[in-house]
Amino acid sequence: MPAEQPAVFFDRDGTLIEEVHYCSDPSQVRVIPGATEALLKLAEAGFALVIVTNQSGIGRGYFTHDDYNRVHEEVLWQLKPAVLTAAYYDESAPDRPSARRKPSTAMLEEAAREHGLDLSRSWMVGDKTSDIECGRNAGLRTVLVETGHGKDHLGCGADAVVPDIGFAADFILQETACAK
């Protein structure tokens, strides 16, 4: 069996794209400046790139799975030429949590099984405490970005707090180089 690949798991809203209250329309998608370049650097360094996102707007009835899929396609288009390995989402509302909703590790574990990922060498990047807790619960190192809701979650216990996704990629690459 081939060696498992490390991954960087990303929250979507507020981390890779600008925070929009219940983003449900592709016209609302704005990739955070530097996100594409950050993803390209991480991919070049050998990381799989995976989105794991809570999308409670579906569970609350604010938008549909089809709306989510249209937004997701726009995110992928705007991130080109970077290519994601996979994306996972949970549609549960917070008052009806599922076994998949972050901070659960279920989406990370599913990605690891489906794509041969090594969670022990992987990272989680997000803008909320639930993202950081998800990563820690799975044994990942974690980075909180100050974009999106990040400035409201500075005390979440992340391994690093950085201004944005570009700084997160640089931090991960520096830490990975030091560990070799």
C-alpha atoms as a PDB file:
ATOM      1  CA  MET A   1       0.000   0.000   0.000  1.00  0.00           C
ATOM      2  CA  PRO A   2       1.433   3.447  -0.881  1.00  0.00           C
ATOM      3  CA  ALA A   3       2.454   5.839   1.878  1.00  0.00           C
ATOM      4  CA  GLU A   4      -0.361   8.015   3.139  1.00  0.00           C
ATOM      5  CA  GLN A   5      -0.305  11.665   2.114  1.00  0.00           C
ATOM      6  CA  PRO A   6      -0.546  14.555   4.591  1.00  0.00           C
ATOM      7  CA  ALA A   7      -3.406  16.990   4.056  1.00  0.00           C
ATOM      8  CA  VAL A   8      -4.425  20.493   4.904  1.00  0.00           C
ATOM      9  CA  PHE A   9      -8.104  20.658   5.783  1.00  0.00           C
ATOM     10  CA  PHE A  10      -9.800  24.013   5.332  1.00  0.00           C
ATOM     11  CA  ASP A  11     -13.003  25.512   6.527  1.00  0.00           C
ATOM     12  CA  ARG A  12     -14.594  27.268   3.555  1.00  0.00           C
ATOM     13  CA  ASP A  13     -16.526  30.407   4.575  1.00  0.00           C
ATOM     14  CA  GLY A  14     -14.286  33.023   6.177  1.00  0.00           C
ATOM     15  CA  THR A  15     -11.172  30.959   5.476  1.00  0.00           C
ATOM     16  CA  LEU A  16     -10.973  30.388   1.703  1.00  0.00           C
ATOM     17  CA  ILE A  17     -13.807  32.705   0.689  1.00  0.00           C
ATOM     18  CA  GLU A  18     -15.036  35.918   2.236  1.00  0.00           C
ATOM     19  CA  GLU A  19     -17.618  35.430   4.949  1.00  0.00           C
ATOM     20  CA  VAL A  20     -21.180  35.887   3.666  1.00  0.00           C
ATOM     21  CA  HIS A  21     -24.092  35.226   5.988  1.00  0.00           C
ATOM     22  CA  TYR A  22     -25.372  31.863   4.670  1.00  0.00           C
ATOM     23  CA  CYS A  23     -23.678  31.988   1.281  1.00  0.00           C
ATOM     24  CA  SER A  24     -26.293  30.530  -1.053  1.00  0.00           C
ATOM     25  CA  ASP A  25     -25.651  32.158  -4.420  1.00  0.00           C
ATOM     26  CA  PRO A  26     -22.547  31.867  -6.618  1.00  0.00           C
ATOM     27  CA  SER A  27     -22.596  35.645  -7.130  1.00  0.00           C
ATOM     28  CA  GLN A  28     -21.746  36.020  -3.420  1.00  0.00           C
ATOM     29  CA  VAL A  29     -18.485  34.067  -3.695  1.00  0.00           C
ATOM     30  CA  ARG A  30     -15.271  36.077  -3.329  1.00  0.00           C
ATOM     31  CA  VAL A  31     -12.073  34.102  -2.826  1.00  0.00           C
ATOM     32  CA  ILE A  32      -9.872  35.638  -0.131  1.00  0.00           C
ATOM     33  CA  PRO A  33      -6.887  37.343  -1.767  1.00  0.00           C
ATOM     34  CA  GLY A  34      -3.899  35.007  -1.861  1.00  0.00           C
ATOM     35  CA  ALA A  35      -5.960  31.829  -1.368  1.00  0.00           C
ATOM     36  CA  THR A  36      -5.151  30.351  -4.773  1.00  0.00           C
ATOM     37  CA  GLU A  37      -1.429  30.981  -4.358  1.00  0.00           C
ATOM     38  CA  ALA A  38      -1.512  29.487  -0.851  1.00  0.00           C
ATOM     39  CA  LEU A  39      -3.220  26.324  -2.100  1.00  0.00           C
ATOM     40  CA  LEU A  40      -0.767  25.980  -4.972  1.00  0.00           C
ATOM     41  CA  LYS A  41       2.215  26.226  -2.589  1.00  0.00           C
ATOM     42  CA  LEU A  42       0.750  23.606  -0.264  1.00  0.00           C
ATOM     43  CA  ALA A  43      -0.067  21.248  -3.138  1.00  0.00           C
ATOM     44  CA  GLU A  44       3.445  21.652  -4.535  1.00  0.00           C
ATOM     45  CA  ALA A  45       4.798  20.681  -1.107  1.00  0.00           C
ATOM     46  CA  GLY A  46       2.822  17.420  -1.289  1.00  0.00           C
ATOM     47  CA  PHE A  47      -0.288  18.198   0.740  1.00  0.00           C
ATOM     48  CA  ALA A  48      -3.756  17.055  -0.256  1.00  0.00           C
ATOM     49  CA  LEU A  49      -6.209  19.966  -0.066  1.00  0.00           C
ATOM     50  CA  VAL A  50      -9.602  19.252   1.492  1.00  0.00           C
ATOM     51  CA  ILE A  51     -12.535  21.481   2.422  1.00  0.00           C
ATOM     52  CA  VAL A  52     -14.592  20.484   5.464  1.00  0.00           C
ATOM     53  CA  THR A  53     -17.483  22.855   6.078  1.00  0.00           C
ATOM     54  CA  ASN A  54     -20.583  23.111   8.216  1.00  0.00           C
ATOM     55  CA  GLN A  55     -23.463  24.376   6.080  1.00  0.00           C
ATOM     56  CA  SER A  56     -26.285  24.790   8.595  1.00  0.00           C
ATOM     57  CA  GLY A  57     -28.190  27.011   6.151  1.00  0.00           C
ATOM     58  CA  ILE A  58     -29.354  23.809   4.481  1.00  0.00           C
ATOM     59  CA  GLY A  59     -30.642  22.332   7.750  1.00  0.00           C
ATOM     60  CA  ARG A  60     -32.298  25.620   8.646  1.00  0.00           C
ATOM     61  CA  GLY A  61     -34.075  25.714   5.260  1.00  0.00           C
ATOM     62  CA  TYR A  62     -32.285  28.881   4.074  1.00  0.00           C
ATOM     63  CA  PHE A  63     -30.943  27.188   0.951  1.00  0.00           C
ATOM     64  CA  THR A  64     -30.843  23.786  -0.734  1.00  0.00           C
ATOM     65  CA  HIS A  65     -28.224  21.153  -1.540  1.00  0.00           C
ATOM     66  CA  ASP A  66     -28.399  22.357  -5.140  1.00  0.00           C
ATOM     67  CA  ASP A  67     -27.641  25.920  -3.995  1.00  0.00           C
ATOM     68  CA  TYR A  68     -24.660  24.590  -2.016  1.00  0.00           C
ATOM     69  CA  ASN A  69     -23.429  22.697  -5.091  1.00  0.00           C
ATOM     70  CA  ARG A  70     -23.663  25.803  -7.299  1.00  0.00           C
ATOM     71  CA  VAL A  71     -21.705  27.837  -4.731  1.00  0.00           C
ATOM     72  CA  HIS A  72     -19.144  25.047  -4.448  1.00  0.00           C
ATOM     73  CA  GLU A  73     -18.628  24.984  -8.223  1.00  0.00           C
ATOM     74  CA  GLU A  74     -18.037  28.746  -8.171  1.00  0.00           C
ATOM     75  CA  VAL A  75     -15.507  28.362  -5.347  1.00  0.00           C
ATOM     76  CA  LEU A  76     -13.631  25.736  -7.375  1.00  0.00           C
ATOM     77  CA  TRP A  77     -13.705  27.958 -10.468  1.00  0.00           C
ATOM     78  CA  GLN A  78     -12.390  30.997  -8.572  1.00  0.00           C
ATOM     79  CA  LEU A  79      -9.600  28.954  -6.925  1.00  0.00           C
ATOM     80  CA  LYS A  80      -8.205  27.760 -10.290  1.00  0.00           C
ATOM     81  CA  PRO A  81      -5.562  26.741 -11.129  1.00  0.00           C
ATOM     82  CA  ALA A  82      -5.448  25.239  -7.611  1.00  0.00           C
ATOM     83  CA  VAL A  83      -7.261  21.896  -7.458  1.00  0.00           C
ATOM     84  CA  LEU A  84      -8.840  20.481  -4.330  1.00  0.00           C
ATOM     85  CA  THR A  85      -8.550  16.811  -3.498  1.00  0.00           C
ATOM     86  CA  ALA A  86     -12.061  16.734  -2.028  1.00  0.00           C
ATOM     87  CA  ALA A  87     -14.743  18.674  -0.205  1.00  0.00           C
ATOM     88  CA  TYR A  88     -17.099  17.503   2.526  1.00  0.00           C
ATOM     89  CA  TYR A  89     -20.009  19.288   4.172  1.00  0.00           C
ATOM     90  CA  ASP A  90     -22.543  18.765   6.902  1.00  0.00           C
ATOM     91  CA  GLU A  91     -25.940  20.404   6.601  1.00  0.00           C
ATOM     92  CA  SER A  92     -27.092  20.021  10.217  1.00  0.00           C
ATOM     93  CA  ALA A  93     -28.380  22.992  12.148  1.00  0.00           C
ATOM     94  CA  PRO A  94     -26.578  23.499  15.479  1.00  0.00           C
ATOM     95  CA  ASP A  95     -29.711  22.561  17.449  1.00  0.00           C
ATOM     96  CA  ARG A  96     -29.811  19.220  15.585  1.00  0.00           C
ATOM     97  CA  PRO A  97     -26.148  18.241  15.437  1.00  0.00           C
ATOM     98  CA  SER A  98     -25.126  15.199  13.480  1.00  0.00           C
ATOM     99  CA  ALA A  99     -22.157  12.932  13.951  1.00  0.00           C
ATOM    100  CA  ARG A 100     -20.459  14.814  11.066  1.00  0.00           C
ATOM    101  CA  ARG A 101     -20.830  18.429  12.181  1.00  0.00           C
ATOM    102  CA  LYS A 102     -17.578  20.077  13.257  1.00  0.00           C
ATOM    103  CA  PRO A 103     -16.082  19.845  15.850  1.00  0.00           C
ATOM    104  CA  SER A 104     -16.703  16.173  15.096  1.00  0.00           C
ATOM    105  CA  THR A 105     -13.830  14.544  13.227  1.00  0.00           C
ATOM    106  CA  ALA A 106     -16.111  12.476  10.975  1.00  0.00           C
ATOM    107  CA  MET A 107     -15.499  14.480   7.786  1.00  0.00           C
ATOM    108  CA  LEU A 108     -11.719  14.356   8.317  1.00  0.00           C
ATOM    109  CA  GLU A 109     -11.821  10.622   8.954  1.00  0.00           C
ATOM    110  CA  GLU A 110     -13.975  10.052   5.872  1.00  0.00           C
ATOM    111  CA  ALA A 111     -11.502  12.019   3.749  1.00  0.00           C
ATOM    112  CA  ALA A 112      -8.584  10.077   5.218  1.00  0.00           C
ATOM    113  CA  ARG A 113     -10.227   6.746   4.347  1.00  0.00           C
ATOM    114  CA  GLU A 114     -11.302   7.785   0.860  1.00  0.00           C
ATOM    115  CA  HIS A 115      -8.043   9.478  -0.163  1.00  0.00           C
ATOM    116  CA  GLY A 116      -5.307   7.692   1.806  1.00  0.00           C
ATOM    117  CA  LEU A 117      -4.510  10.675   4.033  1.00  0.00           C
ATOM    118  CA  ASP A 118      -2.239  10.632   7.073  1.00  0.00           C
ATOM    119  CA  LEU A 119      -4.019  12.595   9.775  1.00  0.00           C
ATOM    120  CA  SER A 120      -0.947  12.512  12.037  1.00  0.00           C
ATOM    121  CA  ARG A 121       0.915  14.717   9.516  1.00  0.00           C
ATOM    122  CA  SER A 122      -2.054  16.900   8.614  1.00  0.00           C
ATOM    123  CA  TRP A 123      -3.315  20.367   9.496  1.00  0.00           C
ATOM    124  CA  MET A 124      -6.655  22.121  10.019  1.00  0.00           C
ATOM    125  CA  VAL A 125      -7.129  25.776   9.046  1.00  0.00           C
ATOM    126  CA  GLY A 126     -10.254  27.690   9.968  1.00  0.00           C
ATOM    127  CA  ASP A 127     -11.791  30.837  11.399  1.00  0.00           C
ATOM    128  CA  LYS A 128     -13.858  29.424  14.267  1.00  0.00           C
ATOM    129  CA  THR A 129     -13.361  27.502  17.484  1.00  0.00           C
ATOM    130  CA  SER A 130     -15.279  24.540  16.015  1.00  0.00           C
ATOM    131  CA  ASP A 131     -12.688  24.285  13.213  1.00  0.00           C
ATOM    132  CA  ILE A 132      -9.795  24.291  15.663  1.00  0.00           C
ATOM    133  CA  GLU A 133     -11.517  21.802  17.990  1.00  0.00           C
ATOM    134  CA  CYS A 134     -12.205  19.531  14.988  1.00  0.00           C
ATOM    135  CA  GLY A 135      -8.535  19.525  14.078  1.00  0.00           C
ATOM    136  CA  ARG A 136      -7.373  18.978  17.649  1.00  0.00           C
ATOM    137  CA  ASN A 137      -9.930  16.192  18.163  1.00  0.00           C
ATOM    138  CA  ALA A 138      -8.394  14.403  15.151  1.00  0.00           C
ATOM    139  CA  GLY A 139      -4.804  14.949  16.321  1.00  0.00           C
ATOM    140  CA  LEU A 140      -3.997  17.608  13.705  1.00  0.00           C
ATOM    141  CA  ARG A 141      -2.015  20.782  14.197  1.00  0.00           C
ATOM    142  CA  THR A 142      -4.253  23.810  13.820  1.00  0.00           C
ATOM    143  CA  VAL A 143      -4.133  27.340  12.424  1.00  0.00           C
ATOM    144  CA  LEU A 144      -6.746  30.022  13.085  1.00  0.00           C
ATOM    145  CA  VAL A 145      -7.036  32.705  10.417  1.00  0.00           C
ATOM    146  CA  GLU A 146      -8.209  36.169  11.469  1.00  0.00           C
ATOM    147  CA  THR A 147     -10.409  36.512   8.376  1.00  0.00           C
ATOM    148  CA  GLY A 148     -14.109  35.692   8.625  1.00  0.00           C
ATOM    149  CA  HIS A 149     -14.985  35.186  12.302  1.00  0.00           C
ATOM    150  CA  GLY A 150     -11.372  34.572  13.324  1.00  0.00           C
ATOM    151  CA  LYS A 151     -10.881  37.711  15.409  1.00  0.00           C
ATOM    152  CA  ASP A 152     -13.810  36.617  17.598  1.00  0.00           C
ATOM    153  CA  HIS A 153     -12.151  33.243  18.311  1.00  0.00           C
ATOM    154  CA  LEU A 154      -8.568  34.205  19.186  1.00  0.00           C
ATOM    155  CA  GLY A 155      -8.627  32.259  22.467  1.00  0.00           C
ATOM    156  CA  CYS A 156      -9.596  28.942  20.854  1.00  0.00           C
ATOM    157  CA  GLY A 157      -6.243  27.246  21.498  1.00  0.00           C
ATOM    158  CA  ALA A 158      -4.976  27.040  17.916  1.00  0.00           C
ATOM    159  CA  ASP A 159      -1.315  26.170  17.411  1.00  0.00           C
ATOM    160  CA  ALA A 160      -0.983  29.427  15.463  1.00  0.00           C
ATOM    161  CA  VAL A 161      -3.061  32.521  14.757  1.00  0.00           C
ATOM    162  CA  VAL A 162      -2.316  34.270  11.462  1.00  0.00           C
ATOM    163  CA  PRO A 163      -3.882  37.100   9.443  1.00  0.00           C
ATOM    164  CA  ASP A 164      -5.096  35.019   6.491  1.00  0.00           C
ATOM    165  CA  ILE A 165      -4.777  31.891   4.368  1.00  0.00           C
ATOM    166  CA  GLY A 166      -1.530  33.037   2.763  1.00  0.00           C
ATOM    167  CA  PHE A 167       0.141  33.365   6.162  1.00  0.00           C
ATOM    168  CA  ALA A 168      -1.363  29.999   7.180  1.00  0.00           C
ATOM    169  CA  ALA A 169       0.253  28.285   4.198  1.00  0.00           C
ATOM    170  CA  ASP A 170       3.609  29.911   4.922  1.00  0.00           C
ATOM    171  CA  PHE A 171       3.404  28.850   8.583  1.00  0.00           C
ATOM    172  CA  ILE A 172       2.538  25.250   7.687  1.00  0.00           C
ATOM    173  CA  LEU A 173       5.354  25.051   5.151  1.00  0.00           C
ATOM    174  CA  GLN A 174       7.862  26.530   7.605  1.00  0.00           C
ATOM    175  CA  GLU A 175       6.795  24.155  10.393  1.00  0.00           C
ATOM    176  CA  THR A 176       6.886  21.180   8.033  1.00  0.00           C
ATOM    177  CA  ALA A 177      10.389  22.089   6.816  1.00  0.00           C
ATOM    178  CA  CYS A 178      11.617  22.415  10.417  1.00  0.00           C
ATOM    179  CA  ALA A 179      10.201  18.987  11.305  1.00  0.00           C
ATOM    180  CA  LYS A 180      12.191  17.215   8.554  1.00  0.00           C
END
